Amino acid sequence: EVCLQGGIHPKFDGNTYHRIVQTVRAAVPDMHIHAFSPLEIVHGAQTLGLPLDEYLPWLKQAGLSTLPGTAAEILDDEVRAVICPDKVNTAEWLGVMRAAHGAGIRTTATIMFGHVDRYEHWARHLLAVRDLQEDTGGFTEFVPLPFVHMEAPMWRKGQSRSGPSFREAILMHSVARLVLHTLIPNIQASWVKLGPQGVVKALQAGANDLGGILMDESITRSAGGQNGQLFGVEQMRELASSVGRPVRQRSTLYGSVEAQLAETMGADNV
């Protein structure tokens, strides 16, 4: 998988994102392209004057595989007015997800919590994700992301909490498992945010997925995170084994990597 996300560049328009996907697909035809936050999708569609239900299928035709459910922060406009007033609002974020699912593009869902939000905001976010999943079934996983505060401008100005407590972070994984049970089967623990010991506790409290090994992770590090840029396959195996959890490598859509490789090898041998 290649994951592509970025800021909103003033010279980018919807054609830019389309060309990026085309270029990746042409260079590596079998690559799974997991790309563009809902904010980027809205920007791309608006610059071309296209509705989402036309723009997203166009990207899919060019090679877009799945959409990251980032830029969600907290799906409550009371909070968004404080932490991300220049990003998409709650209805817009949910609208992108609904349009993506309608176009046959699966997506993840995230929550970034522990700043100016309160527990009722967390509950509203979880219920909004659950309600959309009931309608579309398009979310592959839910990813709690504890706020990393150290270099965040909001925290440096004294305008937010210093992230959630460890107990709150673990509870978010547990409560998400309960709220989303039967609808979203995968709760992902972010080793980038939680660190190895935090992941161990999350695996014992509702999480079943460690996400990707990553390469050169920079977003959390730029905010002051200390958990490194890479978490290797053997590290993941050892960590899962330490709490008695079975481990397997998965594809982006939670399928069998072995089957995917065999299919690719077979196509190459034809």
C-alpha atoms as a PDB file:
ATOM      1  CA  GLU A   1       0.000   0.000   0.000  1.00  0.00           C
ATOM      2  CA  VAL A   2       1.068   3.576  -0.615  1.00  0.00           C
ATOM      3  CA  CYS A   3      -0.639   6.219   1.510  1.00  0.00           C
ATOM      4  CA  LEU A   4      -0.765   9.733   0.062  1.00  0.00           C
ATOM      5  CA  GLN A   5      -1.986  12.706   2.065  1.00  0.00           C
ATOM      6  CA  GLY A   6      -0.954  16.332   2.211  1.00  0.00           C
ATOM      7  CA  GLY A   7      -1.937  19.884   2.916  1.00  0.00           C
ATOM      8  CA  ILE A   8      -4.115  21.981   0.642  1.00  0.00           C
ATOM      9  CA  HIS A   9      -1.717  23.534  -1.845  1.00  0.00           C
ATOM     10  CA  PRO A  10      -3.098  26.671  -3.539  1.00  0.00           C
ATOM     11  CA  LYS A  11      -1.872  25.467  -6.946  1.00  0.00           C
ATOM     12  CA  PHE A  12      -3.526  22.055  -6.634  1.00  0.00           C
ATOM     13  CA  ASP A  13      -6.915  21.380  -8.162  1.00  0.00           C
ATOM     14  CA  GLY A  14      -8.950  18.256  -8.782  1.00  0.00           C
ATOM     15  CA  ASN A  15      -6.876  17.419 -11.830  1.00  0.00           C
ATOM     16  CA  THR A  16      -3.721  17.357  -9.681  1.00  0.00           C
ATOM     17  CA  TYR A  17      -5.062  14.565  -7.480  1.00  0.00           C
ATOM     18  CA  HIS A  18      -6.263  12.680 -10.546  1.00  0.00           C
ATOM     19  CA  ARG A  19      -2.803  12.884 -12.152  1.00  0.00           C
ATOM     20  CA  ILE A  20      -1.126  11.716  -8.940  1.00  0.00           C
ATOM     21  CA  VAL A  21      -3.265   8.579  -8.866  1.00  0.00           C
ATOM     22  CA  GLN A  22      -2.720   7.939 -12.570  1.00  0.00           C
ATOM     23  CA  THR A  23       1.044   8.290 -12.146  1.00  0.00           C
ATOM     24  CA  VAL A  24       1.219   5.811  -9.261  1.00  0.00           C
ATOM     25  CA  ARG A  25      -1.020   3.342 -11.062  1.00  0.00           C
ATOM     26  CA  ALA A  26       1.097   3.550 -14.207  1.00  0.00           C
ATOM     27  CA  ALA A  27       4.361   3.107 -12.279  1.00  0.00           C
ATOM     28  CA  VAL A  28       3.195   0.214 -10.072  1.00  0.00           C
ATOM     29  CA  PRO A  29       0.006  -1.323 -11.494  1.00  0.00           C
ATOM     30  CA  ASP A  30      -0.585  -3.667  -8.532  1.00  0.00           C
ATOM     31  CA  MET A  31      -0.102  -1.009  -5.840  1.00  0.00           C
ATOM     32  CA  HIS A  32      -3.016  -0.366  -3.483  1.00  0.00           C
ATOM     33  CA  ILE A  33      -3.476   3.422  -3.486  1.00  0.00           C
ATOM     34  CA  HIS A  34      -4.831   4.658  -0.149  1.00  0.00           C
ATOM     35  CA  ALA A  35      -5.011   8.382  -0.709  1.00  0.00           C
ATOM     36  CA  PHE A  36      -6.408  11.833   0.039  1.00  0.00           C
ATOM     37  CA  SER A  37      -8.119  13.032   3.179  1.00  0.00           C
ATOM     38  CA  PRO A  38     -11.766  14.146   2.931  1.00  0.00           C
ATOM     39  CA  LEU A  39     -10.445  17.721   3.034  1.00  0.00           C
ATOM     40  CA  GLU A  40      -8.389  17.053  -0.103  1.00  0.00           C
ATOM     41  CA  ILE A  41     -11.359  15.381  -1.767  1.00  0.00           C
ATOM     42  CA  VAL A  42     -13.616  18.371  -1.082  1.00  0.00           C
ATOM     43  CA  HIS A  43     -10.925  20.737  -2.351  1.00  0.00           C
ATOM     44  CA  GLY A  44     -10.426  18.718  -5.527  1.00  0.00           C
ATOM     45  CA  ALA A  45     -14.133  18.469  -6.283  1.00  0.00           C
ATOM     46  CA  GLN A  46     -14.820  22.141  -5.600  1.00  0.00           C
ATOM     47  CA  THR A  47     -11.977  23.381  -7.796  1.00  0.00           C
ATOM     48  CA  LEU A  48     -13.472  21.518 -10.751  1.00  0.00           C
ATOM     49  CA  GLY A  49     -17.071  22.325  -9.886  1.00  0.00           C
ATOM     50  CA  LEU A  50     -17.930  18.649  -9.661  1.00  0.00           C
ATOM     51  CA  PRO A  51     -20.265  16.948  -7.178  1.00  0.00           C
ATOM     52  CA  LEU A  52     -18.668  14.281  -5.017  1.00  0.00           C
ATOM     53  CA  ASP A  53     -20.644  11.502  -6.676  1.00  0.00           C
ATOM     54  CA  GLU A  54     -18.928  12.377  -9.971  1.00  0.00           C
ATOM     55  CA  TYR A  55     -15.477  13.295  -8.705  1.00  0.00           C
ATOM     56  CA  LEU A  56     -14.863  10.202  -6.563  1.00  0.00           C
ATOM     57  CA  PRO A  57     -15.749   7.646  -9.286  1.00  0.00           C
ATOM     58  CA  TRP A  58     -13.401   9.572 -11.618  1.00  0.00           C
ATOM     59  CA  LEU A  59     -10.562   9.141  -9.109  1.00  0.00           C
ATOM     60  CA  LYS A  60     -11.483   5.491  -8.664  1.00  0.00           C
ATOM     61  CA  GLN A  61     -11.337   4.944 -12.416  1.00  0.00           C
ATOM     62  CA  ALA A  62      -7.832   6.471 -12.395  1.00  0.00           C
ATOM     63  CA  GLY A  63      -6.734   3.967  -9.753  1.00  0.00           C
ATOM     64  CA  LEU A  64      -7.749   5.223  -6.299  1.00  0.00           C
ATOM     65  CA  SER A  65      -8.324   2.156  -4.112  1.00  0.00           C
ATOM     66  CA  THR A  66      -9.371   3.395  -0.666  1.00  0.00           C
ATOM     67  CA  LEU A  67      -9.720   6.656   1.241  1.00  0.00           C
ATOM     68  CA  PRO A  68      -8.164   7.440   4.639  1.00  0.00           C
ATOM     69  CA  GLY A  69     -10.693   8.619   7.200  1.00  0.00           C
ATOM     70  CA  THR A  70      -8.450  11.390   8.483  1.00  0.00           C
ATOM     71  CA  ALA A  71      -9.392  15.059   9.080  1.00  0.00           C
ATOM     72  CA  ALA A  72     -12.227  13.693  11.207  1.00  0.00           C
ATOM     73  CA  GLU A  73     -10.722  15.080  14.452  1.00  0.00           C
ATOM     74  CA  ILE A  74     -13.975  15.225  16.456  1.00  0.00           C
ATOM     75  CA  LEU A  75     -17.212  14.979  14.497  1.00  0.00           C
ATOM     76  CA  ASP A  76     -18.906  17.766  16.396  1.00  0.00           C
ATOM     77  CA  ASP A  77     -18.966  21.330  15.075  1.00  0.00           C
ATOM     78  CA  GLU A  78     -18.727  22.825  18.572  1.00  0.00           C
ATOM     79  CA  VAL A  79     -15.217  21.365  18.798  1.00  0.00           C
ATOM     80  CA  ARG A  80     -14.313  21.875  15.146  1.00  0.00           C
ATOM     81  CA  ALA A  81     -15.014  25.605  15.419  1.00  0.00           C
ATOM     82  CA  VAL A  82     -12.128  25.754  17.902  1.00  0.00           C
ATOM     83  CA  ILE A  83      -9.562  23.269  16.597  1.00  0.00           C
ATOM     84  CA  CYS A  84     -10.074  23.230  12.810  1.00  0.00           C
ATOM     85  CA  PRO A  85     -12.393  26.015  11.638  1.00  0.00           C
ATOM     86  CA  ASP A  86     -10.768  26.027   8.189  1.00  0.00           C
ATOM     87  CA  LYS A  87     -11.292  22.301   7.600  1.00  0.00           C
ATOM     88  CA  VAL A  88     -14.430  20.496   6.501  1.00  0.00           C
ATOM     89  CA  ASN A  89     -17.301  20.508   8.985  1.00  0.00           C
ATOM     90  CA  THR A  90     -18.971  17.416  10.382  1.00  0.00           C
ATOM     91  CA  ALA A  91     -21.609  17.145   7.662  1.00  0.00           C
ATOM     92  CA  GLU A  92     -18.999  17.596   4.927  1.00  0.00           C
ATOM     93  CA  TRP A  93     -16.727  14.895   6.359  1.00  0.00           C
ATOM     94  CA  LEU A  94     -19.606  12.462   6.638  1.00  0.00           C
ATOM     95  CA  GLY A  95     -20.747  13.469   3.147  1.00  0.00           C
ATOM     96  CA  VAL A  96     -17.382  12.556   1.631  1.00  0.00           C
ATOM     97  CA  MET A  97     -17.446   9.193   3.380  1.00  0.00           C
ATOM     98  CA  ARG A  98     -20.999   8.494   2.247  1.00  0.00           C
ATOM     99  CA  ALA A  99     -20.148   9.427  -1.354  1.00  0.00           C
ATOM    100  CA  ALA A 100     -16.980   7.309  -1.280  1.00  0.00           C
ATOM    101  CA  HIS A 101     -18.842   4.285   0.041  1.00  0.00           C
ATOM    102  CA  GLY A 102     -21.528   4.847  -2.596  1.00  0.00           C
ATOM    103  CA  ALA A 103     -18.830   4.781  -5.271  1.00  0.00           C
ATOM    104  CA  GLY A 104     -17.490   1.483  -3.946  1.00  0.00           C
ATOM    105  CA  ILE A 105     -14.477   3.076  -2.265  1.00  0.00           C
ATOM    106  CA  ARG A 106     -13.906   1.681   1.223  1.00  0.00           C
ATOM    107  CA  THR A 107     -12.526   4.014   3.896  1.00  0.00           C
ATOM    108  CA  THR A 108     -11.148   4.065   7.397  1.00  0.00           C
ATOM    109  CA  ALA A 109     -12.557   6.197  10.224  1.00  0.00           C
ATOM    110  CA  THR A 110     -10.529   8.031  12.880  1.00  0.00           C
ATOM    111  CA  ILE A 111     -10.990  10.144  15.976  1.00  0.00           C
ATOM    112  CA  MET A 112      -8.351  12.535  17.350  1.00  0.00           C
ATOM    113  CA  PHE A 113      -9.207  13.162  20.980  1.00  0.00           C
ATOM    114  CA  GLY A 114      -7.918  14.719  24.194  1.00  0.00           C
ATOM    115  CA  HIS A 115      -7.616  18.445  23.404  1.00  0.00           C
ATOM    116  CA  VAL A 116     -10.627  20.752  23.916  1.00  0.00           C
ATOM    117  CA  ASP A 117     -13.197  17.986  23.595  1.00  0.00           C
ATOM    118  CA  ARG A 118     -15.384  16.458  26.297  1.00  0.00           C
ATOM    119  CA  TYR A 119     -16.802  12.955  26.721  1.00  0.00           C
ATOM    120  CA  GLU A 120     -20.126  13.900  25.133  1.00  0.00           C
ATOM    121  CA  HIS A 121     -18.240  14.935  21.989  1.00  0.00           C
ATOM    122  CA  TRP A 122     -16.551  11.528  21.865  1.00  0.00           C
ATOM    123  CA  ALA A 123     -19.955   9.868  22.137  1.00  0.00           C
ATOM    124  CA  ARG A 124     -21.412  11.982  19.328  1.00  0.00           C
ATOM    125  CA  HIS A 125     -18.462  11.092  17.118  1.00  0.00           C
ATOM    126  CA  LEU A 126     -18.812   7.353  17.734  1.00  0.00           C
ATOM    127  CA  LEU A 127     -22.548   7.453  17.085  1.00  0.00           C
ATOM    128  CA  ALA A 128     -22.097   9.438  13.861  1.00  0.00           C
ATOM    129  CA  VAL A 129     -19.637   6.847  12.579  1.00  0.00           C
ATOM    130  CA  ARG A 130     -21.916   3.997  13.666  1.00  0.00           C
ATOM    131  CA  ASP A 131     -24.980   5.535  12.001  1.00  0.00           C
ATOM    132  CA  LEU A 132     -23.174   5.994   8.689  1.00  0.00           C
ATOM    133  CA  GLN A 133     -21.778   2.458   8.846  1.00  0.00           C
ATOM    134  CA  GLU A 134     -25.284   1.104   9.367  1.00  0.00           C
ATOM    135  CA  ASP A 135     -26.280   2.795   6.116  1.00  0.00           C
ATOM    136  CA  THR A 136     -23.251   2.068   3.938  1.00  0.00           C
ATOM    137  CA  GLY A 137     -21.024  -0.624   5.485  1.00  0.00           C
ATOM    138  CA  GLY A 138     -18.035   1.129   3.929  1.00  0.00           C
ATOM    139  CA  PHE A 139     -15.710   1.594   6.925  1.00  0.00           C
ATOM    140  CA  THR A 140     -12.967  -1.023   7.232  1.00  0.00           C
ATOM    141  CA  GLU A 141     -11.618   0.017  10.635  1.00  0.00           C
ATOM    142  CA  PHE A 142     -11.869   2.602  13.391  1.00  0.00           C
ATOM    143  CA  VAL A 143      -8.643   4.221  14.573  1.00  0.00           C
ATOM    144  CA  PRO A 144      -8.475   6.178  17.868  1.00  0.00           C
ATOM    145  CA  LEU A 145      -5.666   8.748  17.767  1.00  0.00           C
ATOM    146  CA  PRO A 146      -4.740  10.308  21.130  1.00  0.00           C
ATOM    147  CA  PHE A 147      -3.812  13.984  20.764  1.00  0.00           C
ATOM    148  CA  VAL A 148      -0.030  14.484  20.858  1.00  0.00           C
ATOM    149  CA  HIS A 149       0.356  17.894  22.438  1.00  0.00           C
ATOM    150  CA  MET A 150       4.041  18.747  22.903  1.00  0.00           C
ATOM    151  CA  GLU A 151       4.578  20.844  19.779  1.00  0.00           C
ATOM    152  CA  ALA A 152       0.947  21.520  18.909  1.00  0.00           C
ATOM    153  CA  PRO A 153       0.386  25.307  18.612  1.00  0.00           C
ATOM    154  CA  MET A 154      -2.965  25.030  20.380  1.00  0.00           C
ATOM    155  CA  TRP A 155      -1.352  23.477  23.454  1.00  0.00           C
ATOM    156  CA  ARG A 156       1.635  25.838  23.423  1.00  0.00           C
ATOM    157  CA  LYS A 157      -0.818  28.735  23.655  1.00  0.00           C
ATOM    158  CA  GLY A 158      -2.504  27.105  26.653  1.00  0.00           C
ATOM    159  CA  GLN A 159      -5.708  26.449  24.742  1.00  0.00           C
ATOM    160  CA  SER A 160      -5.969  22.665  25.109  1.00  0.00           C
ATOM    161  CA  ARG A 161      -5.361  19.712  27.370  1.00  0.00           C
ATOM    162  CA  SER A 162      -2.081  17.827  27.320  1.00  0.00           C
ATOM    163  CA  GLY A 163      -3.698  14.937  25.488  1.00  0.00           C
ATOM    164  CA  PRO A 164      -5.929  12.262  27.014  1.00  0.00           C
ATOM    165  CA  SER A 165      -4.880  10.320  30.076  1.00  0.00           C
ATOM    166  CA  PHE A 166      -3.627   6.780  29.516  1.00  0.00           C
ATOM    167  CA  ARG A 167      -6.851   5.467  31.048  1.00  0.00           C
ATOM    168  CA  GLU A 168      -8.932   7.561  28.646  1.00  0.00           C
ATOM    169  CA  ALA A 169      -6.921   6.355  25.660  1.00  0.00           C
ATOM    170  CA  ILE A 170      -7.501   2.718  26.579  1.00  0.00           C
ATOM    171  CA  LEU A 171     -11.171   3.351  27.294  1.00  0.00           C
ATOM    172  CA  MET A 172     -11.603   4.888  23.846  1.00  0.00           C
ATOM    173  CA  HIS A 173     -10.539   1.597  22.271  1.00  0.00           C
ATOM    174  CA  SER A 174     -12.809  -0.383  24.599  1.00  0.00           C
ATOM    175  CA  VAL A 175     -15.871   1.806  24.184  1.00  0.00           C
ATOM    176  CA  ALA A 176     -15.359   1.947  20.409  1.00  0.00           C
ATOM    177  CA  ARG A 177     -15.357  -1.863  20.364  1.00  0.00           C
ATOM    178  CA  LEU A 178     -18.680  -1.895  22.237  1.00  0.00           C
ATOM    179  CA  VAL A 179     -20.355   0.882  20.236  1.00  0.00           C
ATOM    180  CA  LEU A 180     -19.264  -0.399  16.833  1.00  0.00           C
ATOM    181  CA  HIS A 181     -19.645  -4.123  17.563  1.00  0.00           C
ATOM    182  CA  THR A 182     -20.943  -6.126  14.559  1.00  0.00           C
ATOM    183  CA  LEU A 183     -20.690  -3.044  12.316  1.00  0.00           C
ATOM    184  CA  ILE A 184     -16.955  -2.244  12.227  1.00  0.00           C
ATOM    185  CA  PRO A 185     -15.015  -5.386  13.192  1.00  0.00           C
ATOM    186  CA  ASN A 186     -11.571  -3.792  13.393  1.00  0.00           C
ATOM    187  CA  ILE A 187     -10.345  -1.392  16.091  1.00  0.00           C
ATOM    188  CA  GLN A 188      -6.827  -0.253  15.344  1.00  0.00           C
ATOM    189  CA  ALA A 189      -4.281   0.714  17.998  1.00  0.00           C
ATOM    190  CA  SER A 190      -1.792   3.290  16.780  1.00  0.00           C
ATOM    191  CA  TRP A 191       1.718   2.337  17.915  1.00  0.00           C
ATOM    192  CA  VAL A 192       2.847   5.780  16.743  1.00  0.00           C
ATOM    193  CA  LYS A 193       0.597   7.436  19.322  1.00  0.00           C
ATOM    194  CA  LEU A 194       0.533   4.830  22.101  1.00  0.00           C
ATOM    195  CA  GLY A 195       3.989   3.281  22.009  1.00  0.00           C
ATOM    196  CA  PRO A 196       4.558  -0.480  22.488  1.00  0.00           C
ATOM    197  CA  GLN A 197       3.254  -0.699  26.059  1.00  0.00           C
ATOM    198  CA  GLY A 198       0.188   1.327  25.213  1.00  0.00           C
ATOM    199  CA  VAL A 199      -0.510  -0.999  22.308  1.00  0.00           C
ATOM    200  CA  VAL A 200      -0.245  -4.021  24.616  1.00  0.00           C
ATOM    201  CA  LYS A 201      -2.944  -2.568  26.871  1.00  0.00           C
ATOM    202  CA  ALA A 202      -5.121  -1.626  23.898  1.00  0.00           C
ATOM    203  CA  LEU A 203      -4.880  -5.187  22.535  1.00  0.00           C
ATOM    204  CA  GLN A 204      -6.143  -6.414  25.887  1.00  0.00           C
ATOM    205  CA  ALA A 205      -9.006  -3.897  25.898  1.00  0.00           C
ATOM    206  CA  GLY A 206     -10.708  -4.147  22.505  1.00  0.00           C
ATOM    207  CA  ALA A 207      -8.167  -3.487  19.764  1.00  0.00           C
ATOM    208  CA  ASN A 208      -7.291  -6.182  17.234  1.00  0.00           C
ATOM    209  CA  ASP A 209      -5.098  -4.347  14.722  1.00  0.00           C
ATOM    210  CA  LEU A 210      -1.715  -2.594  14.819  1.00  0.00           C
ATOM    211  CA  GLY A 211      -1.918  -0.853  11.464  1.00  0.00           C
ATOM    212  CA  GLY A 212       1.076  -0.456   9.199  1.00  0.00           C
ATOM    213  CA  ILE A 213       4.796  -0.676   9.912  1.00  0.00           C
ATOM    214  CA  LEU A 214       5.208   2.768   8.230  1.00  0.00           C
ATOM    215  CA  MET A 215       8.383   4.316   6.889  1.00  0.00           C
ATOM    216  CA  ASP A 216       9.690   7.762   7.862  1.00  0.00           C
ATOM    217  CA  GLU A 217       6.601   8.727   9.864  1.00  0.00           C
ATOM    218  CA  SER A 218       6.647  12.503  10.341  1.00  0.00           C
ATOM    219  CA  ILE A 219       3.227  13.809  11.399  1.00  0.00           C
ATOM    220  CA  THR A 220       3.306  12.609  14.998  1.00  0.00           C
ATOM    221  CA  ARG A 221       7.030  13.280  15.348  1.00  0.00           C
ATOM    222  CA  SER A 222       6.513  16.898  14.298  1.00  0.00           C
ATOM    223  CA  ALA A 223       3.974  17.219  17.113  1.00  0.00           C
ATOM    224  CA  GLY A 224       6.502  15.896  19.637  1.00  0.00           C
ATOM    225  CA  GLY A 225       5.800  12.165  19.508  1.00  0.00           C
ATOM    226  CA  GLN A 226       8.600   9.887  20.670  1.00  0.00           C
ATOM    227  CA  ASN A 227       7.642   6.444  19.345  1.00  0.00           C
ATOM    228  CA  GLY A 228       9.803   6.298  16.256  1.00  0.00           C
ATOM    229  CA  GLN A 229       9.266   6.077  12.531  1.00  0.00           C
ATOM    230  CA  LEU A 230       9.144   2.328  12.004  1.00  0.00           C
ATOM    231  CA  PHE A 231       7.648  -0.658  13.813  1.00  0.00           C
ATOM    232  CA  GLY A 232       8.956  -3.809  12.173  1.00  0.00           C
ATOM    233  CA  VAL A 233       7.151  -7.051  11.437  1.00  0.00           C
ATOM    234  CA  GLU A 234       9.148  -9.011  14.024  1.00  0.00           C
ATOM    235  CA  GLN A 235       8.440  -6.350  16.663  1.00  0.00           C
ATOM    236  CA  MET A 236       4.743  -6.708  15.953  1.00  0.00           C
ATOM    237  CA  ARG A 237       4.931 -10.490  16.182  1.00  0.00           C
ATOM    238  CA  GLU A 238       6.772 -10.323  19.500  1.00  0.00           C
ATOM    239  CA  LEU A 239       4.375  -7.757  20.918  1.00  0.00           C
ATOM    240  CA  ALA A 240       1.283  -9.754  19.947  1.00  0.00           C
ATOM    241  CA  SER A 241       2.846 -12.962  21.269  1.00  0.00           C
ATOM    242  CA  SER A 242       3.580 -11.284  24.613  1.00  0.00           C
ATOM    243  CA  VAL A 243      -0.167 -10.944  25.259  1.00  0.00           C
ATOM    244  CA  GLY A 244      -1.169 -14.237  23.656  1.00  0.00           C
ATOM    245  CA  ARG A 245      -2.749 -12.719  20.571  1.00  0.00           C
ATOM    246  CA  PRO A 246      -2.544 -14.487  17.192  1.00  0.00           C
ATOM    247  CA  VAL A 247      -0.926 -12.455  14.441  1.00  0.00           C
ATOM    248  CA  ARG A 248      -1.244 -12.373  10.660  1.00  0.00           C
ATOM    249  CA  GLN A 249      -0.272  -9.969   7.929  1.00  0.00           C
ATOM    250  CA  ARG A 250      -3.265  -8.433   6.189  1.00  0.00           C
ATOM    251  CA  SER A 251      -4.034  -6.414   3.101  1.00  0.00           C
ATOM    252  CA  THR A 252      -5.519  -2.928   3.336  1.00  0.00           C
ATOM    253  CA  LEU A 253      -8.989  -4.452   3.080  1.00  0.00           C
ATOM    254  CA  TYR A 254      -8.172  -7.125   5.704  1.00  0.00           C
ATOM    255  CA  GLY A 255      -7.807  -9.868   3.135  1.00  0.00           C
ATOM    256  CA  SER A 256      -5.093 -12.510   2.939  1.00  0.00           C
ATOM    257  CA  VAL A 257      -1.720 -11.192   1.821  1.00  0.00           C
ATOM    258  CA  GLU A 258      -0.689 -14.685   0.772  1.00  0.00           C
ATOM    259  CA  ALA A 259      -3.700 -14.978  -1.533  1.00  0.00           C
ATOM    260  CA  GLN A 260      -3.005 -11.532  -2.941  1.00  0.00           C
ATOM    261  CA  LEU A 261       0.622 -12.409  -3.654  1.00  0.00           C
ATOM    262  CA  ALA A 262      -0.342 -15.724  -5.221  1.00  0.00           C
ATOM    263  CA  GLU A 263      -2.822 -13.934  -7.489  1.00  0.00           C
ATOM    264  CA  THR A 264      -0.161 -11.411  -8.526  1.00  0.00           C
ATOM    265  CA  MET A 265       2.434 -14.127  -9.125  1.00  0.00           C
ATOM    266  CA  GLY A 266      -0.079 -16.080 -11.163  1.00  0.00           C
ATOM    267  CA  ALA A 267      -0.845 -13.065 -13.326  1.00  0.00           C
ATOM    268  CA  ASP A 268       2.868 -12.493 -13.862  1.00  0.00           C
ATOM    269  CA  ASN A 269       3.340 -16.084 -15.002  1.00  0.00           C
ATOM    270  CA  VAL A 270       0.555 -16.040 -17.548  1.00  0.00           C
END
